[in-house]
Amino acid sequence: MTLYDNMLASADPSQVEGLSRFFKTGPGQYGEGDKFLGIKVPVTRAVVKACWKTTDIEELGRCIASEYHEVRLAALLTLVEIFKHAKRSPDKPAMTGKATVSCPAETGHLSREACIDFYLANTEHINNWDLVDLSCYPLLGEWLLHQQDRSLLYNLARNGRTIWEQRIGIVSTMTFIRHGELQDTFAIADILLHHPHDLIHKAVGWLLREAGKRDRAALERWLLPCYPQMPRTMLRYAIERFPEPLRLQYLK
């Protein structure tokens, strides 16, 4: 069976109501109108593990455009697997906005560049926080890790058409943090400092906290001029791991 068919076969109607509520699909909520099959993430990962090697770009396109949240997630996790296993070559700044096919004979799969192009061509379907957070830094973060030009992430944060594209801009820097590179996280946090949406506040605060785990002094240097202006949620997330007396000083 295909990736899509395997996902449909894994549906659990008893889980639909709970997942719909968790991902805020009610009127006026950020996930309004999204549909669920009732598949939890470990089950989706098991399907992806079984199917990624035989999934082509047509099947990925079918899945990423699905009305079902979990099928879109399966497409993204499959893309991550294909990207991870693609033959490594010198990364070029791809970002054409159009998915292209490059299938090395050894793998029969997309190249790393084609994976990135596919991802960027389909951001309209990456429309909830889990879809962003489980895909962007294993793809865009890894792709840009050894490139000097990371303006793509700055453009997404500044000019993203949706809060999800803007969230991609900041969360993708997780890969850089894990390699000890913090400057892009701080710079993109500057861009999003006054963003109105709570989901951006949480994402920025989360990435700042991760940066602070690597270098608390660097985070404090960034916080010093910024924290009086920060949304409360963003600040709480950012200083969550600080010693309690210091954390309370910032909150006061």
C-alpha atoms as a PDB file:
ATOM      1  CA  MET A   1       0.000   0.000   0.000  1.00  0.00           C
ATOM      2  CA  THR A   2       1.034   3.586  -0.538  1.00  0.00           C
ATOM      3  CA  LEU A   3       1.854   6.053   2.225  1.00  0.00           C
ATOM      4  CA  TYR A   4      -1.585   7.614   1.829  1.00  0.00           C
ATOM      5  CA  ASP A   5      -3.402   4.271   1.942  1.00  0.00           C
ATOM      6  CA  ASN A   6      -1.438   3.120   4.974  1.00  0.00           C
ATOM      7  CA  MET A   7      -2.366   6.286   6.823  1.00  0.00           C
ATOM      8  CA  LEU A   8      -6.046   5.867   6.024  1.00  0.00           C
ATOM      9  CA  ALA A   9      -5.863   2.265   7.219  1.00  0.00           C
ATOM     10  CA  SER A  10      -4.409   3.461  10.549  1.00  0.00           C
ATOM     11  CA  ALA A  11      -7.354   5.743  11.361  1.00  0.00           C
ATOM     12  CA  ASP A  12      -8.772   5.522  14.877  1.00  0.00           C
ATOM     13  CA  PRO A  13     -12.119   7.351  15.097  1.00  0.00           C
ATOM     14  CA  SER A  14     -12.048   7.196  18.914  1.00  0.00           C
ATOM     15  CA  GLN A  15      -9.105   9.649  18.913  1.00  0.00           C
ATOM     16  CA  VAL A  16     -10.542  12.223  16.507  1.00  0.00           C
ATOM     17  CA  GLU A  17     -12.403  14.364  19.031  1.00  0.00           C
ATOM     18  CA  GLY A  18      -9.460  14.644  21.403  1.00  0.00           C
ATOM     19  CA  LEU A  19      -6.976  15.524  18.654  1.00  0.00           C
ATOM     20  CA  SER A  20      -9.353  18.068  17.128  1.00  0.00           C
ATOM     21  CA  ARG A  21      -9.710  19.749  20.503  1.00  0.00           C
ATOM     22  CA  PHE A  22      -5.956  19.653  21.218  1.00  0.00           C
ATOM     23  CA  PHE A  23      -5.076  21.272  17.887  1.00  0.00           C
ATOM     24  CA  LYS A  24      -7.736  23.981  18.248  1.00  0.00           C
ATOM     25  CA  THR A  25      -9.938  23.275  15.237  1.00  0.00           C
ATOM     26  CA  GLY A  26     -13.015  25.117  16.507  1.00  0.00           C
ATOM     27  CA  PRO A  27     -14.454  28.309  14.979  1.00  0.00           C
ATOM     28  CA  GLY A  28     -12.015  31.199  15.286  1.00  0.00           C
ATOM     29  CA  GLN A  29      -9.191  29.013  16.584  1.00  0.00           C
ATOM     30  CA  TYR A  30      -5.822  28.721  14.869  1.00  0.00           C
ATOM     31  CA  GLY A  31      -6.558  25.243  13.472  1.00  0.00           C
ATOM     32  CA  GLU A  32     -10.103  26.020  12.436  1.00  0.00           C
ATOM     33  CA  GLY A  33     -11.592  23.461  10.046  1.00  0.00           C
ATOM     34  CA  ASP A  34      -8.705  20.987  10.092  1.00  0.00           C
ATOM     35  CA  LYS A  35      -9.695  17.316   9.901  1.00  0.00           C
ATOM     36  CA  PHE A  36      -8.200  14.364  11.747  1.00  0.00           C
ATOM     37  CA  LEU A  37      -8.094  10.605  11.295  1.00  0.00           C
ATOM     38  CA  GLY A  38      -7.273   9.969  14.948  1.00  0.00           C
ATOM     39  CA  ILE A  39      -3.690   8.795  14.385  1.00  0.00           C
ATOM     40  CA  LYS A  40      -1.114   9.535  17.072  1.00  0.00           C
ATOM     41  CA  VAL A  41       2.436  10.527  16.174  1.00  0.00           C
ATOM     42  CA  PRO A  42       4.151   7.186  17.050  1.00  0.00           C
ATOM     43  CA  VAL A  43       1.762   5.386  14.690  1.00  0.00           C
ATOM     44  CA  THR A  44       2.440   7.934  11.953  1.00  0.00           C
ATOM     45  CA  ARG A  45       6.184   7.470  12.439  1.00  0.00           C
ATOM     46  CA  ALA A  46       5.798   3.704  12.134  1.00  0.00           C
ATOM     47  CA  VAL A  47       3.937   4.117   8.835  1.00  0.00           C
ATOM     48  CA  VAL A  48       6.621   6.495   7.568  1.00  0.00           C
ATOM     49  CA  LYS A  49       9.372   4.070   8.546  1.00  0.00           C
ATOM     50  CA  ALA A  50       7.675   1.359   6.499  1.00  0.00           C
ATOM     51  CA  CYS A  51       6.907   3.526   3.462  1.00  0.00           C
ATOM     52  CA  TRP A  52       9.504   6.255   2.964  1.00  0.00           C
ATOM     53  CA  LYS A  53      11.805   4.254   0.683  1.00  0.00           C
ATOM     54  CA  THR A  54       9.031   3.642  -1.853  1.00  0.00           C
ATOM     55  CA  THR A  55       7.358   7.060  -1.709  1.00  0.00           C
ATOM     56  CA  ASP A  56       7.885   9.253  -4.774  1.00  0.00           C
ATOM     57  CA  ILE A  57       7.225  12.940  -5.357  1.00  0.00           C
ATOM     58  CA  GLU A  58       3.734  12.323  -6.743  1.00  0.00           C
ATOM     59  CA  GLU A  59       2.737  10.484  -3.572  1.00  0.00           C
ATOM     60  CA  LEU A  60       4.314  13.188  -1.435  1.00  0.00           C
ATOM     61  CA  GLY A  61       2.295  15.785  -3.334  1.00  0.00           C
ATOM     62  CA  ARG A  62      -0.900  13.821  -2.811  1.00  0.00           C
ATOM     63  CA  CYS A  63      -0.244  13.479   0.923  1.00  0.00           C
ATOM     64  CA  ILE A  64       0.906  17.045   1.651  1.00  0.00           C
ATOM     65  CA  ALA A  65      -2.296  18.379   0.063  1.00  0.00           C
ATOM     66  CA  SER A  66      -4.544  16.022   2.049  1.00  0.00           C
ATOM     67  CA  GLU A  67      -7.434  17.392   4.063  1.00  0.00           C
ATOM     68  CA  TYR A  68      -6.271  15.190   6.940  1.00  0.00           C
ATOM     69  CA  HIS A  69      -3.746  16.612   9.369  1.00  0.00           C
ATOM     70  CA  GLU A  70      -1.964  13.315  10.030  1.00  0.00           C
ATOM     71  CA  VAL A  71      -1.494  12.575   6.324  1.00  0.00           C
ATOM     72  CA  ARG A  72       0.171  15.959   5.863  1.00  0.00           C
ATOM     73  CA  LEU A  73       2.402  15.159   8.830  1.00  0.00           C
ATOM     74  CA  ALA A  74       3.268  11.790   7.279  1.00  0.00           C
ATOM     75  CA  ALA A  75       4.305  13.560   4.073  1.00  0.00           C
ATOM     76  CA  LEU A  76       6.591  15.901   6.015  1.00  0.00           C
ATOM     77  CA  LEU A  77       8.175  13.138   8.087  1.00  0.00           C
ATOM     78  CA  THR A  78       8.717  11.120   4.920  1.00  0.00           C
ATOM     79  CA  LEU A  79      10.374  14.135   3.312  1.00  0.00           C
ATOM     80  CA  VAL A  80      12.678  14.400   6.333  1.00  0.00           C
ATOM     81  CA  GLU A  81      13.682  10.737   5.933  1.00  0.00           C
ATOM     82  CA  ILE A  82      14.341  11.123   2.213  1.00  0.00           C
ATOM     83  CA  PHE A  83      16.406  14.257   2.891  1.00  0.00           C
ATOM     84  CA  LYS A  84      18.431  12.530   5.622  1.00  0.00           C
ATOM     85  CA  HIS A  85      19.277   9.606   3.365  1.00  0.00           C
ATOM     86  CA  ALA A  86      19.848  11.550   0.140  1.00  0.00           C
ATOM     87  CA  LYS A  87      23.334  11.500  -1.312  1.00  0.00           C
ATOM     88  CA  ARG A  88      25.183  14.455   0.129  1.00  0.00           C
ATOM     89  CA  SER A  89      26.547  16.943  -2.344  1.00  0.00           C
ATOM     90  CA  PRO A  90      27.632  20.563  -1.947  1.00  0.00           C
ATOM     91  CA  ASP A  91      24.440  22.338  -0.869  1.00  0.00           C
ATOM     92  CA  LYS A  92      23.279  25.092  -3.185  1.00  0.00           C
ATOM     93  CA  PRO A  93      20.865  27.849  -2.233  1.00  0.00           C
ATOM     94  CA  ALA A  94      17.703  26.291  -3.680  1.00  0.00           C
ATOM     95  CA  MET A  95      14.597  28.272  -2.709  1.00  0.00           C
ATOM     96  CA  THR A  96      13.000  28.545  -6.077  1.00  0.00           C
ATOM     97  CA  GLY A  97       9.558  28.041  -4.562  1.00  0.00           C
ATOM     98  CA  LYS A  98       8.879  25.231  -7.048  1.00  0.00           C
ATOM     99  CA  ALA A  99       9.337  21.542  -6.434  1.00  0.00           C
ATOM    100  CA  THR A 100      11.775  19.911  -8.798  1.00  0.00           C
ATOM    101  CA  VAL A 101      12.746  16.299  -9.226  1.00  0.00           C
ATOM    102  CA  SER A 102      16.299  15.070  -9.047  1.00  0.00           C
ATOM    103  CA  CYS A 103      16.495  11.311  -8.624  1.00  0.00           C
ATOM    104  CA  PRO A 104      19.982   9.889  -8.175  1.00  0.00           C
ATOM    105  CA  ALA A 105      20.153   6.437  -9.700  1.00  0.00           C
ATOM    106  CA  GLU A 106      21.552   5.004  -6.452  1.00  0.00           C
ATOM    107  CA  THR A 107      18.453   5.897  -4.423  1.00  0.00           C
ATOM    108  CA  GLY A 108      15.622   6.601  -6.833  1.00  0.00           C
ATOM    109  CA  HIS A 109      14.704   9.466  -4.529  1.00  0.00           C
ATOM    110  CA  LEU A 110      14.736  13.232  -4.466  1.00  0.00           C
ATOM    111  CA  SER A 111      17.984  15.078  -3.987  1.00  0.00           C
ATOM    112  CA  ARG A 112      18.435  17.234  -0.888  1.00  0.00           C
ATOM    113  CA  GLU A 113      17.871  20.344  -3.000  1.00  0.00           C
ATOM    114  CA  ALA A 114      14.647  18.925  -4.433  1.00  0.00           C
ATOM    115  CA  CYS A 115      13.422  18.117  -0.910  1.00  0.00           C
ATOM    116  CA  ILE A 116      13.940  21.731   0.119  1.00  0.00           C
ATOM    117  CA  ASP A 117      12.223  23.031  -3.008  1.00  0.00           C
ATOM    118  CA  PHE A 118       9.260  20.722  -2.361  1.00  0.00           C
ATOM    119  CA  TYR A 119       9.038  21.914   1.244  1.00  0.00           C
ATOM    120  CA  LEU A 120       9.070  25.587   0.337  1.00  0.00           C
ATOM    121  CA  ALA A 121       6.555  25.063  -2.462  1.00  0.00           C
ATOM    122  CA  ASN A 122       4.093  23.546   0.009  1.00  0.00           C
ATOM    123  CA  THR A 123       4.206  25.776   3.070  1.00  0.00           C
ATOM    124  CA  GLU A 124       0.506  26.560   2.609  1.00  0.00           C
ATOM    125  CA  HIS A 125      -0.165  22.994   3.768  1.00  0.00           C
ATOM    126  CA  ILE A 126       2.156  23.277   6.800  1.00  0.00           C
ATOM    127  CA  ASN A 127      -0.538  24.898   8.871  1.00  0.00           C
ATOM    128  CA  ASN A 128      -0.174  23.936  12.501  1.00  0.00           C
ATOM    129  CA  TRP A 129       2.578  24.108  15.075  1.00  0.00           C
ATOM    130  CA  ASP A 130       3.387  20.381  15.103  1.00  0.00           C
ATOM    131  CA  LEU A 131       3.716  20.289  11.316  1.00  0.00           C
ATOM    132  CA  VAL A 132       6.197  23.163  11.555  1.00  0.00           C
ATOM    133  CA  ASP A 133       8.144  21.947  14.555  1.00  0.00           C
ATOM    134  CA  LEU A 134       8.644  18.351  13.396  1.00  0.00           C
ATOM    135  CA  SER A 135       9.837  19.285   9.924  1.00  0.00           C
ATOM    136  CA  CYS A 136      11.497  22.681   9.591  1.00  0.00           C
ATOM    137  CA  TYR A 137      14.776  22.309  11.435  1.00  0.00           C
ATOM    138  CA  PRO A 138      15.559  18.763  10.171  1.00  0.00           C
ATOM    139  CA  LEU A 139      15.065  20.192   6.671  1.00  0.00           C
ATOM    140  CA  LEU A 140      15.751  23.941   6.401  1.00  0.00           C
ATOM    141  CA  GLY A 141      18.000  24.037   9.457  1.00  0.00           C
ATOM    142  CA  GLU A 142      20.154  21.179   8.205  1.00  0.00           C
ATOM    143  CA  TRP A 143      20.191  22.562   4.661  1.00  0.00           C
ATOM    144  CA  LEU A 144      21.396  25.984   5.791  1.00  0.00           C
ATOM    145  CA  LEU A 145      23.773  24.814   8.516  1.00  0.00           C
ATOM    146  CA  HIS A 146      26.869  25.017   6.331  1.00  0.00           C
ATOM    147  CA  GLN A 147      25.736  27.987   4.245  1.00  0.00           C
ATOM    148  CA  GLN A 148      26.646  31.581   4.914  1.00  0.00           C
ATOM    149  CA  ASP A 149      23.453  32.943   3.386  1.00  0.00           C
ATOM    150  CA  ARG A 150      20.593  32.193   5.751  1.00  0.00           C
ATOM    151  CA  SER A 151      18.421  35.076   4.597  1.00  0.00           C
ATOM    152  CA  LEU A 152      15.636  32.642   3.736  1.00  0.00           C
ATOM    153  CA  LEU A 153      14.813  32.277   7.438  1.00  0.00           C
ATOM    154  CA  TYR A 154      14.900  36.023   8.010  1.00  0.00           C
ATOM    155  CA  ASN A 155      12.549  36.555   5.063  1.00  0.00           C
ATOM    156  CA  LEU A 156      10.128  33.947   6.397  1.00  0.00           C
ATOM    157  CA  ALA A 157      10.148  35.529   9.852  1.00  0.00           C
ATOM    158  CA  ARG A 158       9.713  39.052   8.510  1.00  0.00           C
ATOM    159  CA  ASN A 159       7.473  38.502   5.488  1.00  0.00           C
ATOM    160  CA  GLY A 160       5.853  35.112   6.005  1.00  0.00           C
ATOM    161  CA  ARG A 161       2.304  34.990   4.666  1.00  0.00           C
ATOM    162  CA  THR A 162       1.097  33.097   7.731  1.00  0.00           C
ATOM    163  CA  ILE A 163       2.131  32.662  11.351  1.00  0.00           C
ATOM    164  CA  TRP A 164       3.270  29.182  10.328  1.00  0.00           C
ATOM    165  CA  GLU A 165       5.793  30.489   7.806  1.00  0.00           C
ATOM    166  CA  GLN A 166       6.997  32.973  10.422  1.00  0.00           C
ATOM    167  CA  ARG A 167       7.293  30.160  12.959  1.00  0.00           C
ATOM    168  CA  ILE A 168       9.363  28.177  10.445  1.00  0.00           C
ATOM    169  CA  GLY A 169      11.758  31.133  10.380  1.00  0.00           C
ATOM    170  CA  ILE A 170      12.576  30.928  14.079  1.00  0.00           C
ATOM    171  CA  VAL A 171      12.194  27.195  14.800  1.00  0.00           C
ATOM    172  CA  SER A 172      14.549  26.258  11.947  1.00  0.00           C
ATOM    173  CA  THR A 173      17.378  27.822  13.961  1.00  0.00           C
ATOM    174  CA  MET A 174      17.192  24.884  16.387  1.00  0.00           C
ATOM    175  CA  THR A 175      19.755  23.087  14.227  1.00  0.00           C
ATOM    176  CA  PHE A 176      22.161  26.019  14.503  1.00  0.00           C
ATOM    177  CA  ILE A 177      21.740  26.106  18.296  1.00  0.00           C
ATOM    178  CA  ARG A 178      22.576  22.421  18.507  1.00  0.00           C
ATOM    179  CA  HIS A 179      25.842  23.215  16.741  1.00  0.00           C
ATOM    180  CA  GLY A 180      26.629  26.120  19.074  1.00  0.00           C
ATOM    181  CA  GLU A 181      25.591  28.872  16.646  1.00  0.00           C
ATOM    182  CA  LEU A 182      23.226  31.269  18.420  1.00  0.00           C
ATOM    183  CA  GLN A 183      23.416  34.517  16.480  1.00  0.00           C
ATOM    184  CA  ASP A 184      20.626  33.741  14.012  1.00  0.00           C
ATOM    185  CA  THR A 185      18.224  32.805  16.809  1.00  0.00           C
ATOM    186  CA  PHE A 186      18.818  36.134  18.533  1.00  0.00           C
ATOM    187  CA  ALA A 187      18.568  38.102  15.280  1.00  0.00           C
ATOM    188  CA  ILE A 188      15.296  36.460  14.233  1.00  0.00           C
ATOM    189  CA  ALA A 189      13.942  36.884  17.772  1.00  0.00           C
ATOM    190  CA  ASP A 190      14.538  40.621  17.256  1.00  0.00           C
ATOM    191  CA  ILE A 191      12.354  40.502  14.147  1.00  0.00           C
ATOM    192  CA  LEU A 192       9.524  38.715  15.976  1.00  0.00           C
ATOM    193  CA  LEU A 193       9.813  40.549  19.293  1.00  0.00           C
ATOM    194  CA  HIS A 194       6.579  42.497  18.817  1.00  0.00           C
ATOM    195  CA  HIS A 195       4.601  39.854  16.958  1.00  0.00           C
ATOM    196  CA  PRO A 196       0.952  39.773  18.112  1.00  0.00           C
ATOM    197  CA  HIS A 197       0.328  36.012  18.130  1.00  0.00           C
ATOM    198  CA  ASP A 198       0.800  33.803  21.184  1.00  0.00           C
ATOM    199  CA  LEU A 199       2.087  30.869  19.098  1.00  0.00           C
ATOM    200  CA  ILE A 200       4.972  33.028  17.902  1.00  0.00           C
ATOM    201  CA  HIS A 201       5.656  34.205  21.458  1.00  0.00           C
ATOM    202  CA  LYS A 202       5.928  30.557  22.563  1.00  0.00           C
ATOM    203  CA  ALA A 203       8.171  29.597  19.656  1.00  0.00           C
ATOM    204  CA  VAL A 204      10.551  32.535  20.149  1.00  0.00           C
ATOM    205  CA  GLY A 205      10.688  31.971  23.900  1.00  0.00           C
ATOM    206  CA  TRP A 206      11.357  28.271  23.382  1.00  0.00           C
ATOM    207  CA  LEU A 207      14.267  28.904  20.988  1.00  0.00           C
ATOM    208  CA  LEU A 208      15.716  31.578  23.268  1.00  0.00           C
ATOM    209  CA  ARG A 209      15.575  29.103  26.154  1.00  0.00           C
ATOM    210  CA  GLU A 210      17.418  26.524  24.035  1.00  0.00           C
ATOM    211  CA  ALA A 211      20.045  29.138  23.150  1.00  0.00           C
ATOM    212  CA  GLY A 212      20.386  29.962  26.840  1.00  0.00           C
ATOM    213  CA  LYS A 213      21.131  26.322  27.631  1.00  0.00           C
ATOM    214  CA  ARG A 214      24.188  26.657  25.406  1.00  0.00           C
ATOM    215  CA  ASP A 215      25.265  30.099  26.615  1.00  0.00           C
ATOM    216  CA  ARG A 216      23.273  31.783  29.363  1.00  0.00           C
ATOM    217  CA  ALA A 217      25.505  34.858  29.319  1.00  0.00           C
ATOM    218  CA  ALA A 218      24.738  35.388  25.620  1.00  0.00           C
ATOM    219  CA  LEU A 219      21.014  35.088  26.299  1.00  0.00           C
ATOM    220  CA  GLU A 220      21.265  37.590  29.146  1.00  0.00           C
ATOM    221  CA  ARG A 221      23.105  40.036  26.892  1.00  0.00           C
ATOM    222  CA  TRP A 222      20.246  39.748  24.391  1.00  0.00           C
ATOM    223  CA  LEU A 223      17.595  40.036  27.108  1.00  0.00           C
ATOM    224  CA  LEU A 224      19.001  43.148  28.755  1.00  0.00           C
ATOM    225  CA  PRO A 225      17.604  45.705  26.272  1.00  0.00           C
ATOM    226  CA  CYS A 226      14.684  43.536  25.161  1.00  0.00           C
ATOM    227  CA  TYR A 227      12.985  41.981  28.146  1.00  0.00           C
ATOM    228  CA  PRO A 228      10.922  45.041  29.206  1.00  0.00           C
ATOM    229  CA  GLN A 229       9.259  44.942  25.757  1.00  0.00           C
ATOM    230  CA  MET A 230       8.787  41.174  25.542  1.00  0.00           C
ATOM    231  CA  PRO A 231       5.353  39.585  25.639  1.00  0.00           C
ATOM    232  CA  ARG A 232       4.984  37.886  28.994  1.00  0.00           C
ATOM    233  CA  THR A 233       4.699  34.375  27.527  1.00  0.00           C
ATOM    234  CA  MET A 234       7.854  34.843  25.460  1.00  0.00           C
ATOM    235  CA  LEU A 235       9.790  36.039  28.494  1.00  0.00           C
ATOM    236  CA  ARG A 236       8.568  33.189  30.713  1.00  0.00           C
ATOM    237  CA  TYR A 237       9.615  30.593  28.159  1.00  0.00           C
ATOM    238  CA  ALA A 238      13.003  32.241  27.598  1.00  0.00           C
ATOM    239  CA  ILE A 239      14.008  32.366  31.276  1.00  0.00           C
ATOM    240  CA  GLU A 240      12.403  29.103  32.352  1.00  0.00           C
ATOM    241  CA  ARG A 241      15.770  27.451  33.131  1.00  0.00           C
ATOM    242  CA  PHE A 242      17.260  30.436  34.980  1.00  0.00           C
ATOM    243  CA  PRO A 243      17.952  30.112  38.720  1.00  0.00           C
ATOM    244  CA  GLU A 244      14.815  31.092  40.582  1.00  0.00           C
ATOM    245  CA  PRO A 245      16.098  34.378  42.097  1.00  0.00           C
ATOM    246  CA  LEU A 246      17.298  35.569  38.684  1.00  0.00           C
ATOM    247  CA  ARG A 247      14.081  34.451  36.985  1.00  0.00           C
ATOM    248  CA  LEU A 248      12.009  36.414  39.492  1.00  0.00           C
ATOM    249  CA  GLN A 249      14.140  39.523  38.914  1.00  0.00           C
ATOM    250  CA  TYR A 250      13.268  39.442  35.215  1.00  0.00           C
ATOM    251  CA  LEU A 251       9.585  38.842  35.905  1.00  0.00           C
ATOM    252  CA  LYS A 252       9.451  41.796  38.310  1.00  0.00           C
END
